Every structure is written in C-alpha cells, then in structure tokens.
C-alpha cells in the first residue's frame, strides 16, 4: 500500500473553503475512477494545517493516476484553485509513504 499526502497551510478564515475544494478534488477523482481523497488535520501543530490523503495499492497505481491527473485539464483546474487558499508565505509539500514489509532478512 502506498499513501500520498499533500500538505498545505490554509489562510485563517478559509478552512471551510479548503474543505469545499477537497470535496471538488474528490469529485473529479471519483468521476475519473481515481483514488479519492480524505482530509486530515494534525491534532497539534500549526493552526489550519490541511492534508489531502489518498491511498493506492502500489507505486505503479500511484504513478498511473498521478500522470493521468497532471495531464487532465479539469483536474488541474480544480487543483490550481487551491493556491488561493494558502496562508501568506506558505508553500505546500508532498509526502509519499509505503507500507513496511512484515519481515526482513
């Protein structure tokens, strides 16, 4: 299993807008047959931290969907709307995690 997380710091007063943006992102993903996103927020840390998280069965699926997303005009239009929600001076970042093996030699 591979988990992709897109981290952003949302401007104060815009969190509801970010939730609507996340719904739109998942709407496009659902329509295209891609993995859908869930919104996560840390229990502690910077106020208005926002994480879009999706899971994939493996790296090949992640790359296939990522490539399709990046080349899809509708998906990129919705994604780019998220830039207006960022806190001033904040830059989003990505995280990609893989499930650890159950045993190593």
N, C-alpha and C. Protein backbone atom coordinates (compact mmCIF):
# COMPACT_ATOMS: atom_id res chain seq x y z
N UNK A 1 0.84 -1.17 0.00
CA UNK A 1 0.00 0.00 0.00
C UNK A 1 0.89 1.24 0.00
N UNK A 2 0.49 2.23 -0.77
CA UNK A 2 1.21 3.50 -0.85
C UNK A 2 0.24 4.61 -0.47
N UNK A 3 0.69 5.51 0.37
CA UNK A 3 -0.15 6.63 0.81
C UNK A 3 0.50 7.93 0.35
N UNK A 4 -0.28 8.77 -0.33
CA UNK A 4 0.19 10.08 -0.76
C UNK A 4 -0.53 11.14 0.08
N UNK A 5 0.26 12.07 0.60
CA UNK A 5 -0.30 13.18 1.38
C UNK A 5 0.18 14.50 0.79
N UNK A 6 -0.77 15.39 0.58
CA UNK A 6 -0.48 16.74 0.12
C UNK A 6 -0.76 17.66 1.30
N UNK A 7 0.29 18.29 1.81
CA UNK A 7 0.19 19.16 2.99
C UNK A 7 0.11 20.62 2.57
N UNK A 8 -0.77 21.35 3.23
CA UNK A 8 -0.88 22.80 2.99
C UNK A 8 -1.23 23.49 4.29
N UNK A 9 -0.86 24.74 4.38
CA UNK A 9 -1.26 25.59 5.49
C UNK A 9 -2.27 26.58 4.93
N UNK A 10 -3.50 26.50 5.40
CA UNK A 10 -4.61 27.28 4.86
C UNK A 10 -4.70 28.62 5.59
N UNK A 11 -4.97 29.68 4.83
CA UNK A 11 -5.12 31.01 5.42
C UNK A 11 -6.25 31.01 6.45
N UNK A 12 -6.06 31.78 7.51
CA UNK A 12 -7.10 31.88 8.53
C UNK A 12 -8.39 32.39 7.89
N UNK A 13 -9.49 31.80 8.30
CA UNK A 13 -10.80 32.18 7.76
C UNK A 13 -11.17 31.48 6.47
N UNK A 14 -10.30 30.61 5.96
CA UNK A 14 -10.55 29.95 4.67
C UNK A 14 -10.68 28.42 4.78
N UNK A 15 -10.74 27.89 6.00
CA UNK A 15 -10.76 26.44 6.15
C UNK A 15 -11.99 25.80 5.52
N UNK A 16 -13.16 26.42 5.68
CA UNK A 16 -14.36 25.88 5.03
C UNK A 16 -14.20 25.87 3.51
N UNK A 17 -13.56 26.91 2.98
CA UNK A 17 -13.30 26.94 1.54
C UNK A 17 -12.39 25.78 1.14
N UNK A 18 -11.41 25.48 2.00
CA UNK A 18 -10.50 24.37 1.72
C UNK A 18 -11.24 23.04 1.76
N UNK A 19 -12.19 22.90 2.66
CA UNK A 19 -12.99 21.67 2.71
C UNK A 19 -13.81 21.51 1.43
N UNK A 20 -14.38 22.59 0.95
CA UNK A 20 -15.13 22.54 -0.32
C UNK A 20 -14.20 22.19 -1.48
N UNK A 21 -12.99 22.76 -1.48
CA UNK A 21 -12.00 22.46 -2.52
C UNK A 21 -11.65 20.96 -2.48
N UNK A 22 -11.48 20.41 -1.28
CA UNK A 22 -11.18 18.98 -1.15
C UNK A 22 -12.33 18.14 -1.69
N UNK A 23 -13.55 18.56 -1.45
CA UNK A 23 -14.71 17.84 -2.00
C UNK A 23 -14.69 17.88 -3.52
N UNK A 24 -14.33 19.02 -4.08
CA UNK A 24 -14.23 19.15 -5.54
C UNK A 24 -13.11 18.26 -6.09
N UNK A 25 -11.98 18.20 -5.37
CA UNK A 25 -10.87 17.34 -5.79
C UNK A 25 -11.32 15.88 -5.80
N UNK A 26 -12.02 15.46 -4.76
CA UNK A 26 -12.50 14.08 -4.71
C UNK A 26 -13.58 13.83 -5.75
N UNK A 27 -14.39 14.84 -6.04
CA UNK A 27 -15.41 14.70 -7.07
C UNK A 27 -14.80 14.40 -8.43
N UNK A 28 -13.74 15.12 -8.77
CA UNK A 28 -13.04 14.86 -10.04
C UNK A 28 -12.44 13.46 -10.01
N UNK A 29 -11.80 13.10 -8.90
CA UNK A 29 -11.17 11.78 -8.78
C UNK A 29 -12.22 10.67 -8.95
N UNK A 30 -13.36 10.83 -8.30
CA UNK A 30 -14.41 9.83 -8.41
C UNK A 30 -14.91 9.71 -9.84
N UNK A 31 -15.13 10.84 -10.48
CA UNK A 31 -15.61 10.86 -11.86
C UNK A 31 -14.64 10.16 -12.81
N UNK A 32 -13.33 10.30 -12.55
CA UNK A 32 -12.30 9.73 -13.42
C UNK A 32 -11.92 8.30 -13.02
N UNK A 33 -12.45 7.82 -11.89
CA UNK A 33 -12.12 6.47 -11.45
C UNK A 33 -10.81 6.38 -10.69
N UNK A 34 -10.34 7.51 -10.15
CA UNK A 34 -9.08 7.55 -9.40
C UNK A 34 -9.36 7.41 -7.91
N UNK A 35 -8.30 7.20 -7.15
CA UNK A 35 -8.41 7.16 -5.70
C UNK A 35 -8.93 8.50 -5.21
N UNK A 36 -9.84 8.44 -4.26
CA UNK A 36 -10.41 9.67 -3.71
C UNK A 36 -9.63 10.12 -2.49
N UNK A 37 -9.79 11.37 -2.15
CA UNK A 37 -9.05 11.99 -1.06
C UNK A 37 -9.88 12.05 0.21
N UNK A 38 -9.18 12.04 1.31
CA UNK A 38 -9.81 12.38 2.59
C UNK A 38 -8.99 13.53 3.17
N UNK A 39 -9.63 14.31 4.01
CA UNK A 39 -8.96 15.45 4.63
C UNK A 39 -8.54 15.04 6.03
N UNK A 40 -7.28 15.30 6.33
CA UNK A 40 -6.73 15.03 7.66
C UNK A 40 -6.19 16.35 8.22
N UNK A 41 -6.27 16.49 9.52
CA UNK A 41 -5.66 17.64 10.19
C UNK A 41 -4.91 17.11 11.42
N UNK A 42 -3.72 17.64 11.67
CA UNK A 42 -2.99 17.19 12.85
C UNK A 42 -3.69 17.65 14.13
N UNK A 43 -3.56 16.85 15.18
CA UNK A 43 -4.15 17.22 16.47
C UNK A 43 -3.42 18.38 17.12
N UNK A 44 -2.14 18.54 16.80
CA UNK A 44 -1.36 19.65 17.31
C UNK A 44 -0.50 20.17 16.17
N UNK A 45 0.04 21.35 16.35
CA UNK A 45 0.89 21.93 15.32
C UNK A 45 0.30 23.24 14.82
N UNK A 46 0.76 23.69 13.66
CA UNK A 46 0.27 24.97 13.13
C UNK A 46 -1.24 24.95 12.89
N UNK A 47 -1.88 26.02 13.25
CA UNK A 47 -3.32 26.17 13.04
C UNK A 47 -3.61 26.15 11.54
N UNK A 48 -4.68 25.47 11.15
CA UNK A 48 -5.14 25.35 9.76
C UNK A 48 -4.22 24.51 8.89
N UNK A 49 -3.49 23.58 9.50
CA UNK A 49 -2.77 22.59 8.70
C UNK A 49 -3.81 21.70 8.04
N UNK A 50 -3.58 21.38 6.80
CA UNK A 50 -4.58 20.70 5.97
C UNK A 50 -3.86 19.64 5.16
N UNK A 51 -4.34 18.42 5.21
CA UNK A 51 -3.70 17.33 4.49
C UNK A 51 -4.74 16.62 3.63
N UNK A 52 -4.48 16.55 2.34
CA UNK A 52 -5.27 15.70 1.45
C UNK A 52 -4.54 14.38 1.36
N UNK A 53 -5.24 13.29 1.64
CA UNK A 53 -4.60 11.98 1.69
C UNK A 53 -5.34 11.00 0.79
N UNK A 54 -4.59 10.22 0.04
CA UNK A 54 -5.15 9.16 -0.80
C UNK A 54 -4.28 7.93 -0.69
N UNK A 55 -4.89 6.76 -0.85
CA UNK A 55 -4.15 5.50 -0.79
C UNK A 55 -4.24 4.79 -2.12
N UNK A 56 -3.16 4.09 -2.44
CA UNK A 56 -3.04 3.34 -3.70
C UNK A 56 -2.52 1.95 -3.37
N UNK A 57 -2.86 0.99 -4.20
CA UNK A 57 -2.44 -0.39 -3.93
C UNK A 57 -0.93 -0.56 -4.06
N UNK A 58 -0.29 0.24 -4.96
CA UNK A 58 1.15 0.11 -5.18
C UNK A 58 1.66 1.36 -5.91
N UNK A 59 3.00 1.40 -6.08
CA UNK A 59 3.60 2.55 -6.75
C UNK A 59 3.12 2.70 -8.19
N UNK A 60 2.94 1.60 -8.88
CA UNK A 60 2.51 1.67 -10.28
C UNK A 60 1.15 2.36 -10.39
N UNK A 61 0.24 2.04 -9.49
CA UNK A 61 -1.09 2.67 -9.49
C UNK A 61 -0.96 4.15 -9.16
N UNK A 62 -0.14 4.46 -8.16
CA UNK A 62 0.07 5.87 -7.81
C UNK A 62 0.58 6.65 -9.01
N UNK A 63 1.61 6.15 -9.69
CA UNK A 63 2.19 6.85 -10.83
C UNK A 63 1.20 6.96 -11.99
N UNK A 64 0.45 5.92 -12.24
CA UNK A 64 -0.54 5.94 -13.31
C UNK A 64 -1.59 7.03 -13.06
N UNK A 65 -2.11 7.07 -11.83
CA UNK A 65 -3.13 8.07 -11.51
C UNK A 65 -2.53 9.47 -11.44
N UNK A 66 -1.33 9.59 -10.93
CA UNK A 66 -0.67 10.88 -10.85
C UNK A 66 -0.44 11.45 -12.25
N UNK A 67 0.06 10.62 -13.16
CA UNK A 67 0.28 11.06 -14.54
C UNK A 67 -1.04 11.46 -15.21
N UNK A 68 -2.08 10.67 -14.97
CA UNK A 68 -3.39 10.99 -15.54
C UNK A 68 -3.92 12.31 -14.98
N UNK A 69 -3.75 12.52 -13.67
CA UNK A 69 -4.18 13.75 -13.02
C UNK A 69 -3.47 14.96 -13.62
N UNK A 70 -2.15 14.88 -13.73
CA UNK A 70 -1.36 16.00 -14.22
C UNK A 70 -1.64 16.35 -15.67
N UNK A 71 -2.15 15.40 -16.44
CA UNK A 71 -2.44 15.66 -17.84
C UNK A 71 -3.93 15.90 -18.10
N UNK A 72 -4.72 16.00 -17.04
CA UNK A 72 -6.16 16.21 -17.16
C UNK A 72 -6.49 17.68 -16.86
N UNK A 73 -7.05 18.37 -17.85
CA UNK A 73 -7.33 19.81 -17.71
C UNK A 73 -8.32 20.08 -16.58
N UNK A 74 -9.36 19.28 -16.46
CA UNK A 74 -10.35 19.50 -15.40
C UNK A 74 -9.72 19.34 -14.02
N UNK A 75 -8.95 18.27 -13.83
CA UNK A 75 -8.31 18.03 -12.54
C UNK A 75 -7.34 19.16 -12.18
N UNK A 76 -6.55 19.60 -13.15
CA UNK A 76 -5.58 20.66 -12.87
C UNK A 76 -6.25 22.00 -12.59
N UNK A 77 -7.38 22.26 -13.23
CA UNK A 77 -8.11 23.50 -12.96
C UNK A 77 -8.60 23.52 -11.52
N UNK A 78 -9.16 22.40 -11.06
CA UNK A 78 -9.61 22.31 -9.68
C UNK A 78 -8.41 22.40 -8.73
N UNK A 79 -7.34 21.69 -9.03
CA UNK A 79 -6.15 21.71 -8.17
C UNK A 79 -5.60 23.13 -8.02
N UNK A 80 -5.50 23.84 -9.12
CA UNK A 80 -4.92 25.21 -9.08
C UNK A 80 -5.78 26.18 -8.27
N UNK A 81 -7.06 25.90 -8.14
CA UNK A 81 -7.91 26.76 -7.30
C UNK A 81 -7.44 26.75 -5.85
N UNK A 82 -6.78 25.69 -5.46
CA UNK A 82 -6.30 25.58 -4.09
C UNK A 82 -5.24 26.60 -3.73
N UNK A 83 -4.55 27.16 -4.71
CA UNK A 83 -3.48 28.12 -4.40
C UNK A 83 -4.01 29.37 -3.73
N UNK A 84 -5.25 29.73 -4.01
CA UNK A 84 -5.83 30.94 -3.39
C UNK A 84 -6.15 30.73 -1.91
N UNK A 85 -6.07 29.50 -1.44
CA UNK A 85 -6.41 29.19 -0.05
C UNK A 85 -5.21 29.17 0.88
N UNK A 86 -4.01 29.19 0.31
CA UNK A 86 -2.80 29.08 1.13
C UNK A 86 -2.58 30.29 2.02
N UNK A 87 -2.05 30.04 3.21
CA UNK A 87 -1.67 31.13 4.10
C UNK A 87 -0.54 31.92 3.44
N UNK A 88 -0.50 33.23 3.64
CA UNK A 88 0.56 34.04 3.04
C UNK A 88 1.95 33.49 3.40
N UNK A 89 2.77 33.31 2.39
CA UNK A 89 4.13 32.83 2.57
C UNK A 89 4.25 31.31 2.74
N UNK A 90 3.12 30.60 2.76
CA UNK A 90 3.16 29.15 2.94
C UNK A 90 3.35 28.45 1.59
N UNK A 91 4.06 27.35 1.62
CA UNK A 91 4.27 26.54 0.42
C UNK A 91 3.85 25.11 0.73
N UNK A 92 2.98 24.53 -0.08
CA UNK A 92 2.57 23.14 0.16
C UNK A 92 3.70 22.17 -0.11
N UNK A 93 3.57 20.96 0.40
CA UNK A 93 4.56 19.93 0.16
C UNK A 93 3.89 18.57 0.14
N UNK A 94 4.55 17.61 -0.49
CA UNK A 94 4.03 16.26 -0.64
C UNK A 94 4.80 15.28 0.22
N UNK A 95 4.12 14.19 0.54
CA UNK A 95 4.71 13.10 1.30
C UNK A 95 4.20 11.81 0.66
N UNK A 96 5.08 10.85 0.49
CA UNK A 96 4.70 9.55 -0.07
C UNK A 96 5.25 8.47 0.85
N UNK A 97 4.37 7.63 1.36
CA UNK A 97 4.76 6.58 2.29
C UNK A 97 4.38 5.23 1.71
N UNK A 98 5.16 4.23 2.06
CA UNK A 98 4.82 2.87 1.66
C UNK A 98 4.71 1.99 2.89
N UNK A 99 3.88 0.98 2.77
CA UNK A 99 3.70 0.04 3.86
C UNK A 99 4.99 -0.74 4.08
N UNK A 100 5.41 -0.85 5.31
CA UNK A 100 6.63 -1.57 5.64
C UNK A 100 6.44 -3.07 5.46
N UNK A 101 7.51 -3.77 5.11
CA UNK A 101 7.40 -5.23 4.99
C UNK A 101 7.11 -5.83 6.38
N UNK A 102 6.50 -7.00 6.39
CA UNK A 102 6.19 -7.64 7.67
C UNK A 102 7.41 -8.30 8.28
N UNK A 103 8.41 -8.56 7.44
CA UNK A 103 9.65 -9.17 7.95
C UNK A 103 10.77 -8.90 6.95
N UNK A 104 11.98 -8.70 7.46
CA UNK A 104 13.14 -8.56 6.57
C UNK A 104 14.19 -9.60 6.97
N UNK A 105 15.05 -9.93 6.05
CA UNK A 105 16.06 -10.98 6.29
C UNK A 105 17.14 -10.49 7.23
